[in-house]
Each structure stands twice: as C-alpha cells, then as structure tokens.
C-alpha cells in the first residue's frame, strides 16, 4: 500500500515538473514547430513548382556554346542509334513506344511503323504507352 502511495506522489511530482517545464518553454516550442512545418510546406511547394514545369529541365549545348533544341537532339539520337525513327507503333495499335520500352518487343516486324517525333505519332492518332517514358 505504501508503494502505491509513493508512486502516486512521485507521479504527481513528475506531472508538476512537466507542467513547469511547459510553462517555461511553450513559446520556444511553438516557434520551433512553426519553423519546422513552414520548412516542410516550402519544400512541398518547391517540389510542386518543379513538377509543374516552373524550373527548366536539362539543357544541352554544342561545341560553340549554342543551345541544342529538342528536335535536334531527337535527330542526333535517331542518327546515332541507326533506328528509322524516335518512336514506333503497331499499325493495329493505339500506343507508341520508345526503343527502350518493353512493349515494343511485342510488336511484329511486319506491323511496326516508325515516327521521327512524338508529335508525328500523336497526329497519326497514337498516344504514349503507360510506363514508357521519353528522353
């Protein structure tokens, strides 16, 4: 019985110490938590801004320091790879694929058609295959 009474008194003392500590530090804790959540919010907004295209992506330059356009990069890729185009599709399908996408391997050679750009494939009525990401 004496042990329970001692524990009750000790818990009351601890509760009182915690209350005193909180009274002394509550303003510091408030500003610390406000700064933490503000930093988390800022990081999330920055990530959204980047994902929405607010920041420019990777830029490529030639030997003279001139910026290389995306269509020129596509042309150079097609030329270097030896492929007939940048994207391919099936004559019977609705999706187009990049050469590194797994779905391209399931298309028979007789049904395979190539496009030099994504825009030309899309203007022909094709859409990009899910899980197949470009350059």
Foldseek 3Di string as FASTA:
>chain_A
DVVVVVVVVVVVVVVVVVVVVCVVCVVVVVVVVVVVVVVVVVVVVVVVCVVVPVDPDDWDADPVRHTDDPLNVLVVVCVVVVHPAQWKDFQPDAAIAGPPDPVVVVHDPVRIDHDHDPVVSVVVRHYHDPPHDDD
